[in-house]
C-alpha atoms as a PDB file:
ATOM      1  CA  MET A   1      16.743 -12.289  67.087  1.00  0.00           C
ATOM      2  CA  ASN A   2      17.101  -8.743  65.824  1.00  0.00           C
ATOM      3  CA  ILE A   3      13.802  -6.955  66.418  1.00  0.00           C
ATOM      4  CA  LEU A   4      13.134  -3.642  64.716  1.00  0.00           C
ATOM      5  CA  ILE A   5      10.283  -1.463  65.966  1.00  0.00           C
ATOM      6  CA  LEU A   6       9.087   1.168  63.514  1.00  0.00           C
ATOM      7  CA  SER A   7       7.326   3.785  65.598  1.00  0.00           C
ATOM      8  CA  GLY A   8       5.124   6.137  63.636  1.00  0.00           C
ATOM      9  CA  SER A   9       4.179   8.710  66.221  1.00  0.00           C
ATOM     10  CA  PRO A  10       5.421  12.265  65.748  1.00  0.00           C
ATOM     11  CA  ARG A  11       4.616  12.993  69.404  1.00  0.00           C
ATOM     12  CA  LYS A  12       7.675  12.621  71.638  1.00  0.00           C
ATOM     13  CA  ASP A  13       6.991  10.674  74.842  1.00  0.00           C
ATOM     14  CA  GLY A  14       3.437  10.022  73.693  1.00  0.00           C
ATOM     15  CA  ASN A  15       1.309   6.938  74.196  1.00  0.00           C
ATOM     16  CA  THR A  16       2.629   5.107  71.121  1.00  0.00           C
ATOM     17  CA  GLU A  17       6.224   5.693  72.155  1.00  0.00           C
ATOM     18  CA  LEU A  18       5.494   4.434  75.690  1.00  0.00           C
ATOM     19  CA  LEU A  19       3.835   1.317  74.262  1.00  0.00           C
ATOM     20  CA  ALA A  20       6.783   0.639  71.941  1.00  0.00           C
ATOM     21  CA  GLU A  21       9.237   1.096  74.816  1.00  0.00           C
ATOM     22  CA  ALA A  22       7.288  -1.330  77.015  1.00  0.00           C
ATOM     23  CA  PHE A  23       7.356  -3.956  74.259  1.00  0.00           C
ATOM     24  CA  ALA A  24      11.074  -3.325  73.694  1.00  0.00           C
ATOM     25  CA  LYS A  25      11.853  -3.705  77.388  1.00  0.00           C
ATOM     26  CA  GLY A  26      10.194  -7.132  77.467  1.00  0.00           C
ATOM     27  CA  ALA A  27      11.746  -8.329  74.205  1.00  0.00           C
ATOM     28  CA  ALA A  28      15.210  -7.076  75.216  1.00  0.00           C
ATOM     29  CA  GLU A  29      15.272  -9.765  77.918  1.00  0.00           C
ATOM     30  CA  HIS A  30      16.087 -12.288  75.151  1.00  0.00           C
ATOM     31  CA  HIS A  31      16.762 -10.350  71.930  1.00  0.00           C
ATOM     32  CA  HIS A  32      18.409  -7.303  70.425  1.00  0.00           C
ATOM     33  CA  VAL A  33      15.759  -4.591  70.012  1.00  0.00           C
ATOM     34  CA  GLU A  34      15.927  -1.242  68.251  1.00  0.00           C
ATOM     35  CA  ILE A  35      13.214   1.403  68.107  1.00  0.00           C
ATOM     36  CA  LEU A  36      13.310   3.577  65.042  1.00  0.00           C
ATOM     37  CA  SER A  37      11.068   6.649  65.312  1.00  0.00           C
ATOM     38  CA  VAL A  38      10.305   7.254  61.652  1.00  0.00           C
ATOM     39  CA  HIS A  39       9.369  10.905  62.208  1.00  0.00           C
ATOM     40  CA  ASN A  40      13.070  11.578  62.857  1.00  0.00           C
ATOM     41  CA  TYR A  41      13.897  10.656  59.265  1.00  0.00           C
ATOM     42  CA  ASN A  42      13.240  12.358  55.964  1.00  0.00           C
ATOM     43  CA  VAL A  43      11.258   9.772  53.995  1.00  0.00           C
ATOM     44  CA  ASN A  44       9.357  10.894  50.926  1.00  0.00           C
ATOM     45  CA  PRO A  45       6.245   9.073  49.731  1.00  0.00           C
ATOM     46  CA  CYS A  46       6.707   6.430  47.029  1.00  0.00           C
ATOM     47  CA  LEU A  47       6.451   7.923  43.549  1.00  0.00           C
ATOM     48  CA  GLY A  48       5.285   4.667  41.968  1.00  0.00           C
ATOM     49  CA  CYS A  49       7.887   5.200  39.240  1.00  0.00           C
ATOM     50  CA  ASN A  50       9.197   1.614  39.542  1.00  0.00           C
ATOM     51  CA  ALA A  51      12.771   2.807  38.929  1.00  0.00           C
ATOM     52  CA  CYS A  52      13.850   0.521  41.786  1.00  0.00           C
ATOM     53  CA  PHE A  53      12.781  -2.516  39.728  1.00  0.00           C
ATOM     54  CA  LYS A  54      15.260  -1.512  37.006  1.00  0.00           C
ATOM     55  CA  THR A  55      18.150  -0.650  39.334  1.00  0.00           C
ATOM     56  CA  ASN A  56      18.359  -3.620  41.755  1.00  0.00           C
ATOM     57  CA  GLY A  57      16.359  -1.852  44.442  1.00  0.00           C
ATOM     58  CA  VAL A  58      18.060   1.523  44.248  1.00  0.00           C
ATOM     59  CA  CYS A  59      15.328   4.112  44.682  1.00  0.00           C
ATOM     60  CA  ALA A  60      15.275   7.202  42.490  1.00  0.00           C
ATOM     61  CA  GLN A  61      14.717   9.288  45.623  1.00  0.00           C
ATOM     62  CA  LYS A  62      17.723  10.181  47.732  1.00  0.00           C
ATOM     63  CA  ASP A  63      16.411  10.368  51.290  1.00  0.00           C
ATOM     64  CA  ASP A  64      16.710   8.542  54.612  1.00  0.00           C
ATOM     65  CA  MET A  65      14.884   5.458  53.377  1.00  0.00           C
ATOM     66  CA  THR A  66      18.279   3.981  52.449  1.00  0.00           C
ATOM     67  CA  PHE A  67      19.127   3.898  56.164  1.00  0.00           C
ATOM     68  CA  ILE A  68      15.778   2.253  56.995  1.00  0.00           C
ATOM     69  CA  TYR A  69      16.312  -0.385  54.284  1.00  0.00           C
ATOM     70  CA  GLU A  70      19.625  -1.292  55.964  1.00  0.00           C
ATOM     71  CA  LYS A  71      17.847  -1.722  59.300  1.00  0.00           C
ATOM     72  CA  MET A  72      15.163  -3.879  57.644  1.00  0.00           C
ATOM     73  CA  ILE A  73      17.791  -6.118  56.033  1.00  0.00           C
ATOM     74  CA  GLN A  74      19.230  -6.822  59.508  1.00  0.00           C
ATOM     75  CA  ALA A  75      15.856  -7.506  61.165  1.00  0.00           C
ATOM     76  CA  ASP A  76      14.404 -10.938  61.941  1.00  0.00           C
ATOM     77  CA  MET A  77      11.217  -9.449  63.351  1.00  0.00           C
ATOM     78  CA  LEU A  78       9.333  -6.241  62.635  1.00  0.00           C
ATOM     79  CA  VAL A  79       7.031  -4.414  65.026  1.00  0.00           C
ATOM     80  CA  ILE A  80       4.727  -1.705  63.713  1.00  0.00           C
ATOM     81  CA  ALA A  81       3.741   0.867  66.359  1.00  0.00           C
ATOM     82  CA  SER A  82       1.409   3.710  65.442  1.00  0.00           C
ATOM     83  CA  PRO A  83      -1.214   6.097  66.653  1.00  0.00           C
ATOM     84  CA  VAL A  84      -4.488   5.814  64.756  1.00  0.00           C
ATOM     85  CA  TYR A  85      -5.368   8.853  62.657  1.00  0.00           C
ATOM     86  CA  PHE A  86      -8.699   8.646  60.824  1.00  0.00           C
ATOM     87  CA  TYR A  87      -8.684   4.834  61.078  1.00  0.00           C
ATOM     88  CA  GLY A  88      -5.208   4.465  59.605  1.00  0.00           C
ATOM     89  CA  ILE A  89      -1.579   4.522  60.672  1.00  0.00           C
ATOM     90  CA  SER A  90       0.322   7.813  60.799  1.00  0.00           C
ATOM     91  CA  ALA A  91       1.385   9.418  57.517  1.00  0.00           C
ATOM     92  CA  GLN A  92       5.049   9.195  58.522  1.00  0.00           C
ATOM     93  CA  LEU A  93       4.823   5.433  58.972  1.00  0.00           C
ATOM     94  CA  LYS A  94       2.664   4.952  55.882  1.00  0.00           C
ATOM     95  CA  ALA A  95       5.344   6.658  53.755  1.00  0.00           C
ATOM     96  CA  VAL A  96       7.943   4.185  55.049  1.00  0.00           C
ATOM     97  CA  ILE A  97       5.722   1.142  54.491  1.00  0.00           C
ATOM     98  CA  ASP A  98       4.791   2.276  50.976  1.00  0.00           C
ATOM     99  CA  ARG A  99       8.496   2.468  50.133  1.00  0.00           C
ATOM    100  CA  PHE A 100       8.710  -1.301  50.700  1.00  0.00           C
ATOM    101  CA  HIS A 101       7.255  -1.459  47.169  1.00  0.00           C
ATOM    102  CA  ASN A 102      10.831  -2.108  46.132  1.00  0.00           C
ATOM    103  CA  PRO A 103      12.616  -5.358  45.214  1.00  0.00           C
ATOM    104  CA  ILE A 104      14.998  -4.742  48.134  1.00  0.00           C
ATOM    105  CA  ARG A 105      12.226  -6.282  50.266  1.00  0.00           C
ATOM    106  CA  ASP A 106      13.325  -9.657  48.852  1.00  0.00           C
ATOM    107  CA  THR A 107      16.513  -9.308  50.919  1.00  0.00           C
ATOM    108  CA  PHE A 108      14.598  -8.950  54.185  1.00  0.00           C
ATOM    109  CA  HIS A 109      14.679 -11.944  56.555  1.00  0.00           C
ATOM    110  CA  ILE A 110      11.639 -11.006  58.605  1.00  0.00           C
ATOM    111  CA  LYS A 111       9.812 -14.060  59.897  1.00  0.00           C
ATOM    112  CA  LYS A 112       7.585 -12.481  62.552  1.00  0.00           C
ATOM    113  CA  MET A 113       5.644  -9.276  62.918  1.00  0.00           C
ATOM    114  CA  ALA A 114       3.703  -7.628  65.730  1.00  0.00           C
ATOM    115  CA  LEU A 115       1.347  -4.659  65.840  1.00  0.00           C
ATOM    116  CA  LEU A 116       1.018  -1.966  68.519  1.00  0.00           C
ATOM    117  CA  LEU A 117      -1.775   0.570  67.999  1.00  0.00           C
ATOM    118  CA  VAL A 118      -3.097   3.456  70.071  1.00  0.00           C
ATOM    119  CA  GLY A 119      -6.325   5.288  69.336  1.00  0.00           C
ATOM    120  CA  ALA A 120      -8.269   8.046  71.052  1.00  0.00           C
ATOM    121  CA  ALA A 121     -11.696   6.729  70.053  1.00  0.00           C
ATOM    122  CA  SER A 122     -13.390   3.813  71.765  1.00  0.00           C
ATOM    123  CA  LEU A 123     -15.277   2.510  68.719  1.00  0.00           C
ATOM    124  CA  PRO A 124     -15.223  -1.286  68.418  1.00  0.00           C
ATOM    125  CA  GLU A 125     -14.194  -1.042  64.749  1.00  0.00           C
ATOM    126  CA  LEU A 126     -11.427   1.515  65.365  1.00  0.00           C
ATOM    127  CA  PHE A 127      -8.631  -0.800  64.178  1.00  0.00           C
ATOM    128  CA  ASP A 128     -10.471  -2.735  61.445  1.00  0.00           C
ATOM    129  CA  ALA A 129      -8.892  -1.026  58.413  1.00  0.00           C
ATOM    130  CA  ILE A 130      -5.363  -1.326  59.824  1.00  0.00           C
ATOM    131  CA  LEU A 131      -5.911  -4.968  60.800  1.00  0.00           C
ATOM    132  CA  THR A 132      -7.045  -5.768  57.264  1.00  0.00           C
ATOM    133  CA  GLU A 133      -3.832  -4.303  55.824  1.00  0.00           C
ATOM    134  CA  TYR A 134      -1.720  -6.001  58.489  1.00  0.00           C
ATOM    135  CA  ASN A 135      -3.252  -9.414  57.812  1.00  0.00           C
ATOM    136  CA  LEU A 136      -2.849  -9.007  54.043  1.00  0.00           C
ATOM    137  CA  CYS A 137       0.856  -8.211  54.536  1.00  0.00           C
ATOM    138  CA  LEU A 138       1.324 -11.231  56.784  1.00  0.00           C
ATOM    139  CA  LYS A 139      -0.251 -13.464  54.168  1.00  0.00           C
ATOM    140  CA  PHE A 140       1.511 -11.932  51.149  1.00  0.00           C
ATOM    141  CA  PHE A 141       4.985 -12.151  52.730  1.00  0.00           C
ATOM    142  CA  ASN A 142       4.302 -15.397  54.631  1.00  0.00           C
ATOM    143  CA  ILE A 143       5.155 -13.801  57.986  1.00  0.00           C
ATOM    144  CA  GLU A 144       4.022 -15.122  61.367  1.00  0.00           C
ATOM    145  CA  ASP A 145       1.826 -12.882  63.505  1.00  0.00           C
ATOM    146  CA  ALA A 146       3.635 -12.549  66.844  1.00  0.00           C
ATOM    147  CA  GLY A 147       0.747 -10.673  68.464  1.00  0.00           C
ATOM    148  CA  LYS A 148      -0.990  -7.370  68.865  1.00  0.00           C
ATOM    149  CA  VAL A 149      -1.668  -4.773  71.532  1.00  0.00           C
ATOM    150  CA  LEU A 150      -4.580  -2.554  70.505  1.00  0.00           C
ATOM    151  CA  VAL A 151      -5.404   0.302  72.844  1.00  0.00           C
ATOM    152  CA  ARG A 152      -8.596   2.364  72.615  1.00  0.00           C
ATOM    153  CA  GLY A 153      -9.611   5.497  74.475  1.00  0.00           C
ATOM    154  CA  VAL A 154      -6.185   7.058  75.027  1.00  0.00           C
ATOM    155  CA  LYS A 155      -5.846  10.569  73.658  1.00  0.00           C
ATOM    156  CA  ASP A 156      -3.661  12.814  75.775  1.00  0.00           C
ATOM    157  CA  LYS A 157      -0.007  12.178  76.562  1.00  0.00           C
ATOM    158  CA  GLY A 158       0.283   9.641  79.348  1.00  0.00           C
ATOM    159  CA  ASP A 159      -3.314   8.390  79.178  1.00  0.00           C
ATOM    160  CA  ILE A 160      -1.960   4.939  78.376  1.00  0.00           C
ATOM    161  CA  LYS A 161      -0.494   4.769  81.893  1.00  0.00           C
ATOM    162  CA  ASN A 162      -4.073   4.500  83.209  1.00  0.00           C
ATOM    163  CA  THR A 163      -4.609   1.227  81.317  1.00  0.00           C
ATOM    164  CA  ASP A 164      -3.023  -2.232  81.435  1.00  0.00           C
ATOM    165  CA  ALA A 165      -1.613  -1.762  77.911  1.00  0.00           C
ATOM    166  CA  LEU A 166       2.007  -1.126  78.932  1.00  0.00           C
ATOM    167  CA  ASN A 167       2.010  -4.355  80.906  1.00  0.00           C
ATOM    168  CA  GLU A 168       0.400  -6.191  77.957  1.00  0.00           C
ATOM    169  CA  ALA A 169       3.078  -4.829  75.607  1.00  0.00           C
ATOM    170  CA  TYR A 170       5.868  -5.827  77.992  1.00  0.00           C
ATOM    171  CA  LYS A 171       4.442  -9.355  78.273  1.00  0.00           C
ATOM    172  CA  LEU A 172       4.093  -9.651  74.499  1.00  0.00           C
ATOM    173  CA  GLY A 173       7.703  -8.555  74.008  1.00  0.00           C
ATOM    174  CA  TYR A 174       8.926 -10.911  76.712  1.00  0.00           C
ATOM    175  CA  SER A 175       7.039 -13.851  75.153  1.00  0.00           C
ATOM    176  CA  ILE A 176       8.880 -13.505  71.855  1.00  0.00           C
END
């Protein structure tokens, strides 16, 4: 399988990146895995102009989303990895996901999806809003949930190393 991890953290070597790398290491035992750090790409927010529906998926905006679409077309599985900012995914990742409002998504062959989230707060409902969106996407696109690693209470770089989350992510990746 080709597994694409979209990592939404702008913080290099941060907790989200470490979690994504642990998942990738486990999954790479059996599959081809690529981590794409979306903050390294210039992706504008969706304009909602619907031009892409009139041009066979060609977006009116000329940015790095074209490259990400190519990666999505090749993927069999998608992993979303993000820090939690105000109960949502990062703005960088949200811009990418919103740009899937494009008929090019009909060329994707994604059958499975996983979710890796890191949040500083320890509130029980910290991930509720993101999980609602995630589950709606699974249902709408008829994609199998491959699993989740949800980590609370990690704020500063490296805090995740003091939890079992990296091991959980590795195991989840390996089980795919």
